[in-house]
Amino acid sequence: MAPKFFTFSQDPENFEQNLAEYVSKTYDEIAQYYINATEENRKRYDIVRIWTIILGASVTLMASLSAADFIKNVNNLTTIFTITTAVLAAILTILNGLNQSFHWRENWGDLNIFAQRIKIERDRFLSTKPANRDYKKELVLLNTLILEQSTQITKGVLSTKDAN
């Protein structure tokens, strides 16, 4: 889910308090977005990795069994094992291709580091006395960090496409 965009009241009496709340909520929302993205990438990586191990072992087992005499001596069983081995190998290849295309493991790490960076910046902001806060600078920093992260992800995807 994409981060929410907050609005704040520009009431002159509460402007600074509203702006402080806006910056704080924006930091929280962006951090939560990247934490969720981290978890989603970790889950996808884990699922693909588990199925890669299971299917890899199954292909090896099926190929070995299809060469056994007790399989060869049963009508149509060799054909079933041959077809099943090919189908499992194809699924394994698809999973490996998806994993290489979407970089779930790499994204998991990169997004986690970025989420921590946002939390550090949020904590720095919250620990700064309100009189010393520069809200414009905070928003520029937050937007710059997000733009840099997006650029890094895009460059990673494009470099992978060029390598293939």
N, C-alpha and C. Protein backbone atom coordinates (compact mmCIF):
# COMPACT_ATOMS: atom_id res chain seq x y z
N MET A 1 0.84 -1.17 0.00
CA MET A 1 0.00 0.00 0.00
C MET A 1 0.89 1.24 0.00
N ALA A 2 0.55 2.18 -0.83
CA ALA A 2 1.32 3.42 -0.95
C ALA A 2 1.14 4.28 0.29
N PRO A 3 2.15 5.09 0.59
CA PRO A 3 2.02 5.96 1.76
C PRO A 3 0.88 6.96 1.58
N LYS A 4 0.30 7.34 2.69
CA LYS A 4 -0.76 8.35 2.66
C LYS A 4 -0.10 9.72 2.56
N PHE A 5 -0.84 10.65 2.02
CA PHE A 5 -0.36 12.03 1.98
C PHE A 5 -1.22 12.83 2.93
N PHE A 6 -0.58 13.46 3.87
CA PHE A 6 -1.28 14.22 4.89
C PHE A 6 -1.42 15.67 4.47
N THR A 7 -2.43 16.29 5.00
CA THR A 7 -2.57 17.73 4.84
C THR A 7 -2.56 18.33 6.24
N PHE A 8 -2.30 19.57 6.32
CA PHE A 8 -2.31 20.21 7.63
C PHE A 8 -2.95 21.57 7.51
N SER A 9 -3.50 21.98 8.62
CA SER A 9 -4.16 23.28 8.67
C SER A 9 -3.10 24.37 8.67
N GLN A 10 -3.33 25.39 7.89
CA GLN A 10 -2.39 26.51 7.87
C GLN A 10 -2.88 27.65 8.75
N ASP A 11 -3.67 27.27 9.74
CA ASP A 11 -4.14 28.24 10.73
C ASP A 11 -2.93 28.91 11.38
N PRO A 12 -2.81 30.23 11.30
CA PRO A 12 -1.62 30.92 11.82
C PRO A 12 -1.33 30.64 13.30
N GLU A 13 -2.38 30.42 14.09
CA GLU A 13 -2.17 30.18 15.52
C GLU A 13 -1.49 28.83 15.79
N ASN A 14 -1.82 27.83 14.99
CA ASN A 14 -1.29 26.48 15.23
C ASN A 14 -0.40 26.00 14.08
N PHE A 15 0.05 26.91 13.26
CA PHE A 15 0.78 26.53 12.06
C PHE A 15 2.00 25.66 12.37
N GLU A 16 2.83 26.11 13.31
CA GLU A 16 4.06 25.37 13.62
C GLU A 16 3.74 23.99 14.21
N GLN A 17 2.76 23.93 15.10
CA GLN A 17 2.37 22.64 15.68
C GLN A 17 1.81 21.72 14.60
N ASN A 18 0.98 22.24 13.73
CA ASN A 18 0.42 21.43 12.65
C ASN A 18 1.49 20.95 11.68
N LEU A 19 2.44 21.83 11.39
CA LEU A 19 3.54 21.45 10.50
C LEU A 19 4.42 20.39 11.14
N ALA A 20 4.68 20.53 12.44
CA ALA A 20 5.47 19.52 13.16
C ALA A 20 4.77 18.17 13.12
N GLU A 21 3.47 18.18 13.31
CA GLU A 21 2.69 16.94 13.27
C GLU A 21 2.71 16.35 11.86
N TYR A 22 2.60 17.20 10.87
CA TYR A 22 2.64 16.76 9.47
C TYR A 22 3.98 16.07 9.15
N VAL A 23 5.07 16.70 9.53
CA VAL A 23 6.40 16.13 9.26
C VAL A 23 6.55 14.81 10.01
N SER A 24 6.15 14.77 11.26
CA SER A 24 6.26 13.56 12.06
C SER A 24 5.42 12.42 11.46
N LYS A 25 4.18 12.71 11.09
CA LYS A 25 3.32 11.69 10.48
C LYS A 25 3.88 11.22 9.14
N THR A 26 4.44 12.14 8.38
CA THR A 26 5.02 11.77 7.10
C THR A 26 6.20 10.82 7.30
N TYR A 27 7.07 11.13 8.25
CA TYR A 27 8.17 10.22 8.57
C TYR A 27 7.63 8.84 8.96
N ASP A 28 6.64 8.83 9.85
CA ASP A 28 6.07 7.55 10.32
C ASP A 28 5.47 6.76 9.17
N GLU A 29 4.71 7.44 8.34
CA GLU A 29 4.03 6.76 7.23
C GLU A 29 5.04 6.20 6.22
N ILE A 30 6.05 6.97 5.88
CA ILE A 30 7.06 6.50 4.94
C ILE A 30 7.84 5.34 5.53
N ALA A 31 8.20 5.44 6.80
CA ALA A 31 8.92 4.34 7.46
C ALA A 31 8.06 3.08 7.44
N GLN A 32 6.78 3.20 7.75
CA GLN A 32 5.90 2.03 7.77
C GLN A 32 5.74 1.44 6.37
N TYR A 33 5.65 2.28 5.37
CA TYR A 33 5.55 1.80 3.99
C TYR A 33 6.76 0.93 3.64
N TYR A 34 7.96 1.41 3.98
CA TYR A 34 9.16 0.65 3.65
C TYR A 34 9.33 -0.59 4.52
N ILE A 35 8.85 -0.54 5.75
CA ILE A 35 8.86 -1.74 6.59
C ILE A 35 7.95 -2.79 5.97
N ASN A 36 6.77 -2.39 5.53
CA ASN A 36 5.84 -3.33 4.88
C ASN A 36 6.44 -3.89 3.59
N ALA A 37 7.08 -3.02 2.81
CA ALA A 37 7.71 -3.49 1.57
C ALA A 37 8.84 -4.47 1.86
N THR A 38 9.58 -4.21 2.93
CA THR A 38 10.64 -5.12 3.36
C THR A 38 10.07 -6.49 3.67
N GLU A 39 9.01 -6.52 4.46
CA GLU A 39 8.39 -7.79 4.84
C GLU A 39 7.83 -8.53 3.63
N GLU A 40 7.22 -7.79 2.72
CA GLU A 40 6.66 -8.42 1.52
C GLU A 40 7.76 -9.06 0.68
N ASN A 41 8.87 -8.37 0.52
CA ASN A 41 9.99 -8.93 -0.25
C ASN A 41 10.60 -10.13 0.46
N ARG A 42 10.70 -10.06 1.79
CA ARG A 42 11.23 -11.19 2.55
C ARG A 42 10.34 -12.42 2.40
N LYS A 43 9.02 -12.22 2.49
CA LYS A 43 8.07 -13.33 2.35
C LYS A 43 8.17 -13.95 0.96
N ARG A 44 8.20 -13.11 -0.06
CA ARG A 44 8.29 -13.63 -1.43
C ARG A 44 9.60 -14.39 -1.64
N TYR A 45 10.69 -13.84 -1.13
CA TYR A 45 11.98 -14.52 -1.24
C TYR A 45 11.92 -15.87 -0.53
N ASP A 46 11.39 -15.89 0.69
CA ASP A 46 11.31 -17.14 1.46
C ASP A 46 10.48 -18.19 0.74
N ILE A 47 9.33 -17.78 0.21
CA ILE A 47 8.45 -18.73 -0.49
C ILE A 47 9.15 -19.30 -1.71
N VAL A 48 9.74 -18.44 -2.51
CA VAL A 48 10.43 -18.91 -3.72
C VAL A 48 11.62 -19.79 -3.35
N ARG A 49 12.34 -19.41 -2.32
CA ARG A 49 13.52 -20.20 -1.91
C ARG A 49 13.09 -21.58 -1.42
N ILE A 50 12.05 -21.66 -0.61
CA ILE A 50 11.56 -22.96 -0.12
C ILE A 50 11.12 -23.83 -1.28
N TRP A 51 10.33 -23.26 -2.22
CA TRP A 51 9.86 -24.05 -3.35
C TRP A 51 11.00 -24.43 -4.29
N THR A 52 12.01 -23.60 -4.39
CA THR A 52 13.18 -23.94 -5.21
C THR A 52 13.89 -25.16 -4.63
N ILE A 53 14.03 -25.20 -3.32
CA ILE A 53 14.67 -26.35 -2.68
C ILE A 53 13.82 -27.60 -2.86
N ILE A 54 12.52 -27.49 -2.61
CA ILE A 54 11.62 -28.64 -2.73
C ILE A 54 11.59 -29.16 -4.16
N LEU A 55 11.43 -28.26 -5.12
CA LEU A 55 11.36 -28.69 -6.52
C LEU A 55 12.70 -29.22 -7.03
N GLY A 56 13.79 -28.60 -6.60
CA GLY A 56 15.11 -29.09 -7.01
C GLY A 56 15.34 -30.51 -6.52
N ALA A 57 14.98 -30.77 -5.27
CA ALA A 57 15.12 -32.12 -4.73
C ALA A 57 14.17 -33.08 -5.43
N SER A 58 12.96 -32.62 -5.74
CA SER A 58 11.97 -33.48 -6.41
C SER A 58 12.41 -33.86 -7.82
N VAL A 59 12.99 -32.91 -8.55
CA VAL A 59 13.47 -33.20 -9.90
C VAL A 59 14.58 -34.24 -9.84
N THR A 60 15.48 -34.07 -8.90
CA THR A 60 16.57 -35.05 -8.75
C THR A 60 16.02 -36.42 -8.39
N LEU A 61 15.09 -36.47 -7.46
CA LEU A 61 14.49 -37.74 -7.04
C LEU A 61 13.74 -38.39 -8.19
N MET A 62 12.92 -37.61 -8.88
CA MET A 62 12.12 -38.17 -9.99
C MET A 62 13.03 -38.68 -11.12
N ALA A 63 14.08 -37.93 -11.43
CA ALA A 63 15.00 -38.37 -12.48
C ALA A 63 15.71 -39.65 -12.08
N SER A 64 16.09 -39.75 -10.83
CA SER A 64 16.76 -40.97 -10.35
C SER A 64 15.81 -42.15 -10.35
N LEU A 65 14.59 -41.94 -9.87
CA LEU A 65 13.62 -43.03 -9.83
C LEU A 65 13.21 -43.50 -11.23
N SER A 66 13.13 -42.58 -12.16
CA SER A 66 12.71 -42.97 -13.52
C SER A 66 13.72 -43.91 -14.17
N ALA A 67 14.94 -43.92 -13.68
CA ALA A 67 15.96 -44.83 -14.22
C ALA A 67 15.96 -46.18 -13.52
N ALA A 68 15.21 -46.31 -12.43
CA ALA A 68 15.19 -47.56 -11.67
C ALA A 68 14.39 -48.64 -12.42
N ASP A 69 14.84 -49.86 -12.29
CA ASP A 69 14.18 -50.99 -12.97
C ASP A 69 12.74 -51.17 -12.55
N PHE A 70 12.44 -51.00 -11.26
CA PHE A 70 11.05 -51.23 -10.82
C PHE A 70 10.09 -50.20 -11.40
N ILE A 71 10.59 -49.05 -11.84
CA ILE A 71 9.75 -48.06 -12.52
C ILE A 71 9.64 -48.41 -14.01
N LYS A 72 10.75 -48.79 -14.60
CA LYS A 72 10.77 -49.13 -16.02
C LYS A 72 9.88 -50.33 -16.34
N ASN A 73 9.73 -51.23 -15.38
CA ASN A 73 8.96 -52.46 -15.61
C ASN A 73 7.45 -52.26 -15.50
N VAL A 74 6.99 -51.10 -15.07
CA VAL A 74 5.55 -50.85 -14.94
C VAL A 74 5.11 -50.01 -16.14
N ASN A 75 4.07 -50.50 -16.82
CA ASN A 75 3.57 -49.79 -18.00
C ASN A 75 3.22 -48.34 -17.68
N ASN A 76 3.65 -47.47 -18.54
CA ASN A 76 3.36 -46.03 -18.51
C ASN A 76 3.97 -45.27 -17.33
N LEU A 77 4.55 -45.96 -16.39
CA LEU A 77 5.11 -45.27 -15.24
C LEU A 77 6.35 -44.46 -15.63
N THR A 78 7.15 -44.97 -16.54
CA THR A 78 8.32 -44.24 -17.01
C THR A 78 7.88 -42.94 -17.69
N THR A 79 6.84 -43.02 -18.50
CA THR A 79 6.31 -41.83 -19.18
C THR A 79 5.82 -40.81 -18.16
N ILE A 80 5.10 -41.27 -17.15
CA ILE A 80 4.58 -40.38 -16.11
C ILE A 80 5.74 -39.71 -15.38
N PHE A 81 6.76 -40.49 -15.03
CA PHE A 81 7.92 -39.93 -14.33
C PHE A 81 8.67 -38.94 -15.22
N THR A 82 8.81 -39.24 -16.49
CA THR A 82 9.52 -38.35 -17.42
C THR A 82 8.78 -37.03 -17.56
N ILE A 83 7.47 -37.10 -17.73
CA ILE A 83 6.67 -35.88 -17.89
C ILE A 83 6.66 -35.08 -16.59
N THR A 84 6.49 -35.75 -15.47
CA THR A 84 6.48 -35.07 -14.17
C THR A 84 7.81 -34.39 -13.90
N THR A 85 8.92 -35.06 -14.23
CA THR A 85 10.24 -34.47 -14.04
C THR A 85 10.39 -33.21 -14.89
N ALA A 86 9.93 -33.27 -16.12
CA ALA A 86 10.03 -32.11 -17.01
C ALA A 86 9.18 -30.94 -16.50
N VAL A 87 7.98 -31.25 -16.03
CA VAL A 87 7.09 -30.20 -15.52
C VAL A 87 7.69 -29.56 -14.26
N LEU A 88 8.20 -30.38 -13.36
CA LEU A 88 8.83 -29.85 -12.14
C LEU A 88 10.05 -28.99 -12.48
N ALA A 89 10.83 -29.45 -13.44
CA ALA A 89 12.01 -28.67 -13.87
C ALA A 89 11.59 -27.33 -14.48
N ALA A 90 10.50 -27.34 -15.24
CA ALA A 90 10.01 -26.09 -15.84
C ALA A 90 9.54 -25.12 -14.75
N ILE A 91 8.82 -25.63 -13.77
CA ILE A 91 8.36 -24.77 -12.66
C ILE A 91 9.56 -24.22 -11.89
N LEU A 92 10.56 -25.06 -11.68
CA LEU A 92 11.78 -24.62 -11.00
C LEU A 92 12.46 -23.50 -11.77
N THR A 93 12.51 -23.63 -13.08
CA THR A 93 13.12 -22.61 -13.93
C THR A 93 12.32 -21.30 -13.86
N ILE A 94 11.01 -21.40 -13.85
CA ILE A 94 10.16 -20.22 -13.74
C ILE A 94 10.41 -19.51 -12.41
N LEU A 95 10.44 -20.27 -11.32
CA LEU A 95 10.69 -19.66 -10.01
C LEU A 95 12.05 -18.97 -9.96
N ASN A 96 13.07 -19.62 -10.51
CA ASN A 96 14.39 -19.00 -10.54
C ASN A 96 14.39 -17.72 -11.38
N GLY A 97 13.66 -17.74 -12.48
CA GLY A 97 13.55 -16.55 -13.32
C GLY A 97 12.85 -15.41 -12.60
N LEU A 98 11.77 -15.73 -11.89
CA LEU A 98 11.06 -14.70 -11.13
C LEU A 98 11.96 -14.12 -10.04
N ASN A 99 12.68 -14.99 -9.36
CA ASN A 99 13.57 -14.53 -8.30
C ASN A 99 14.67 -13.62 -8.85
N GLN A 100 15.22 -13.96 -9.98
CA GLN A 100 16.25 -13.13 -10.60
C GLN A 100 15.68 -11.83 -11.15
N SER A 101 14.45 -11.88 -11.63
CA SER A 101 13.84 -10.66 -12.20
C SER A 101 13.43 -9.66 -11.14
N PHE A 102 12.89 -10.14 -10.03
CA PHE A 102 12.34 -9.22 -9.03
C PHE A 102 13.28 -8.93 -7.87
N HIS A 103 14.38 -9.62 -7.76
CA HIS A 103 15.42 -9.35 -6.75
C HIS A 103 14.86 -9.24 -5.33
N TRP A 104 14.01 -10.18 -4.96
CA TRP A 104 13.37 -10.09 -3.65
C TRP A 104 14.38 -10.08 -2.52
N ARG A 105 15.44 -10.85 -2.61
CA ARG A 105 16.45 -10.88 -1.54
C ARG A 105 17.18 -9.55 -1.43
N GLU A 106 17.61 -9.02 -2.57
CA GLU A 106 18.32 -7.75 -2.56
C GLU A 106 17.41 -6.61 -2.10
N ASN A 107 16.17 -6.60 -2.61
CA ASN A 107 15.23 -5.55 -2.21
C ASN A 107 14.92 -5.63 -0.72
N TRP A 108 14.81 -6.83 -0.21
CA TRP A 108 14.54 -7.04 1.21
C TRP A 108 15.60 -6.30 2.03
N GLY A 109 16.85 -6.53 1.70
CA GLY A 109 17.94 -5.88 2.43
C GLY A 109 17.97 -4.37 2.22
N ASP A 110 17.87 -3.94 0.97
CA ASP A 110 17.93 -2.50 0.67
C ASP A 110 16.78 -1.73 1.31
N LEU A 111 15.58 -2.28 1.22
CA LEU A 111 14.42 -1.60 1.78
C LEU A 111 14.48 -1.57 3.30
N ASN A 112 15.00 -2.61 3.90
CA ASN A 112 15.14 -2.64 5.35
C ASN A 112 16.12 -1.55 5.81
N ILE A 113 17.24 -1.44 5.12
CA ILE A 113 18.22 -0.40 5.45
C ILE A 113 17.58 0.98 5.29
N PHE A 114 16.82 1.16 4.22
CA PHE A 114 16.19 2.46 3.99
C PHE A 114 15.15 2.76 5.06
N ALA A 115 14.36 1.77 5.46
CA ALA A 115 13.37 1.98 6.52
C ALA A 115 14.07 2.40 7.82
N GLN A 116 15.20 1.79 8.12
CA GLN A 116 15.95 2.17 9.31
C GLN A 116 16.48 3.60 9.19
N ARG A 117 16.91 3.97 8.00
CA ARG A 117 17.40 5.34 7.76
C ARG A 117 16.29 6.36 8.00
N ILE A 118 15.10 6.05 7.54
CA ILE A 118 13.96 6.95 7.75
C ILE A 118 13.65 7.05 9.25
N LYS A 119 13.71 5.92 9.96
CA LYS A 119 13.46 5.94 11.40
C LYS A 119 14.51 6.79 12.13
N ILE A 120 15.76 6.68 11.71
CA ILE A 120 16.83 7.49 12.32
C ILE A 120 16.55 8.98 12.11
N GLU A 121 16.16 9.33 10.88
CA GLU A 121 15.86 10.74 10.59
C GLU A 121 14.64 11.21 11.38
N ARG A 122 13.64 10.34 11.50
CA ARG A 122 12.44 10.69 12.29
C ARG A 122 12.83 10.93 13.74
N ASP A 123 13.66 10.03 14.30
CA ASP A 123 14.08 10.18 15.69
C ASP A 123 14.90 11.45 15.90
N ARG A 124 15.75 11.76 14.91
CA ARG A 124 16.53 13.00 14.98
C ARG A 124 15.59 14.20 15.00
N PHE A 125 14.59 14.16 14.13
CA PHE A 125 13.61 15.25 14.06
C PHE A 125 12.86 15.38 15.39
N LEU A 126 12.38 14.26 15.92
CA LEU A 126 11.59 14.31 17.15
C LEU A 126 12.43 14.72 18.37
N SER A 127 13.72 14.42 18.33
CA SER A 127 14.58 14.77 19.46
C SER A 127 15.11 16.20 19.38
N THR A 128 14.83 16.88 18.28
CA THR A 128 15.24 18.27 18.14
C THR A 128 14.18 19.17 18.79
N LYS A 129 14.63 20.10 19.59
CA LYS A 129 13.70 21.02 20.24
C LYS A 129 12.88 21.74 19.16
N PRO A 130 11.58 21.89 19.39
CA PRO A 130 10.74 22.55 18.39
C PRO A 130 11.28 23.90 17.92
N ALA A 131 11.89 24.66 18.80
CA ALA A 131 12.41 25.97 18.40
C ALA A 131 13.58 25.85 17.42
N ASN A 132 14.25 24.69 17.40
CA ASN A 132 15.41 24.49 16.53
C ASN A 132 15.09 23.72 15.25
N ARG A 133 13.85 23.37 15.06
CA ARG A 133 13.47 22.58 13.89
C ARG A 133 13.36 23.46 12.65
N ASP A 134 13.81 22.91 11.54
CA ASP A 134 13.68 23.57 10.24
C ASP A 134 12.78 22.65 9.40
N TYR A 135 11.50 22.95 9.37
CA TYR A 135 10.52 22.06 8.74
C TYR A 135 10.73 21.94 7.24
N LYS A 136 11.05 23.03 6.62
CA LYS A 136 11.30 22.97 5.17
C LYS A 136 12.48 22.05 4.89
N LYS A 137 13.55 22.18 5.66
CA LYS A 137 14.72 21.32 5.50
C LYS A 137 14.34 19.84 5.71
N GLU A 138 13.50 19.57 6.70
CA GLU A 138 13.07 18.19 6.98
C GLU A 138 12.32 17.59 5.79
N LEU A 139 11.42 18.38 5.22
CA LEU A 139 10.64 17.88 4.09
C LEU A 139 11.51 17.69 2.85
N VAL A 140 12.44 18.61 2.64
CA VAL A 140 13.37 18.45 1.52
C VAL A 140 14.22 17.19 1.72
N LEU A 141 14.71 16.99 2.94
CA LEU A 141 15.50 15.80 3.24
C LEU A 141 14.70 14.53 2.99
N LEU A 142 13.49 14.48 3.51
CA LEU A 142 12.65 13.29 3.35
C LEU A 142 12.36 13.01 1.87
N ASN A 143 12.01 14.04 1.14
CA ASN A 143 11.73 13.86 -0.29
C ASN A 143 12.98 13.46 -1.06
N THR A 144 14.12 14.01 -0.69
CA THR A 144 15.38 13.65 -1.35
C THR A 144 15.73 12.19 -1.08
N LEU A 145 15.56 11.75 0.17
CA LEU A 145 15.84 10.35 0.50
C LEU A 145 14.96 9.40 -0.30
N ILE A 146 13.68 9.73 -0.40
CA ILE A 146 12.75 8.87 -1.15
C ILE A 146 13.12 8.86 -2.63
N LEU A 147 13.45 10.00 -3.18
CA LEU A 147 13.84 10.08 -4.59
C LEU A 147 15.12 9.28 -4.84
N GLU A 148 16.09 9.39 -3.95
CA GLU A 148 17.33 8.62 -4.10
C GLU A 148 17.07 7.12 -4.03
N GLN A 149 16.20 6.69 -3.10
CA GLN A 149 15.88 5.27 -2.98
C GLN A 149 15.17 4.78 -4.24
N SER A 150 14.22 5.55 -4.74
CA SER A 150 13.50 5.17 -5.95
C SER A 150 14.45 5.08 -7.15
N THR A 151 15.37 6.03 -7.22
CA THR A 151 16.36 6.03 -8.31
C THR A 151 17.25 4.80 -8.22
N GLN A 152 17.67 4.45 -7.01
CA GLN A 152 18.52 3.27 -6.82
C GLN A 152 17.80 2.00 -7.25
N ILE A 153 16.54 1.87 -6.88
CA ILE A 153 15.76 0.68 -7.27
C ILE A 153 15.60 0.63 -8.78
N THR A 154 15.28 1.78 -9.39
CA THR A 154 15.10 1.82 -10.84
C THR A 154 16.39 1.46 -11.56
N LYS A 155 17.52 1.99 -11.10
CA LYS A 155 18.81 1.66 -11.72
C LYS A 155 19.10 0.17 -11.59
N GLY A 156 18.76 -0.41 -10.45
CA GLY A 156 18.98 -1.85 -10.25
C GLY A 156 18.15 -2.68 -11.21
N VAL A 157 16.90 -2.29 -11.41
CA VAL A 157 16.03 -3.01 -12.34
C VAL A 157 16.54 -2.87 -13.77
N LEU A 158 16.90 -1.65 -14.16
CA LEU A 158 17.37 -1.42 -15.52
C LEU A 158 18.69 -2.11 -15.80
N SER A 159 19.60 -2.14 -14.81
CA SER A 159 20.88 -2.81 -15.02
C SER A 159 20.69 -4.32 -15.16
N THR A 160 19.68 -4.86 -14.49
CA THR A 160 19.38 -6.28 -14.62
C THR A 160 18.83 -6.58 -16.01
N LYS A 161 17.96 -5.70 -16.50
CA LYS A 161 17.40 -5.91 -17.82
C LYS A 161 18.50 -5.83 -18.89
N ASP A 162 19.44 -4.89 -18.71
CA ASP A 162 20.55 -4.75 -19.66
C ASP A 162 21.45 -5.97 -19.64
N ALA A 163 21.64 -6.56 -18.44
CA ALA A 163 22.52 -7.74 -18.30
C ALA A 163 21.90 -8.97 -18.95
N ASN A 164 20.58 -9.02 -18.99
CA ASN A 164 19.89 -10.18 -19.58
C ASN A 164 19.82 -9.98 -21.03
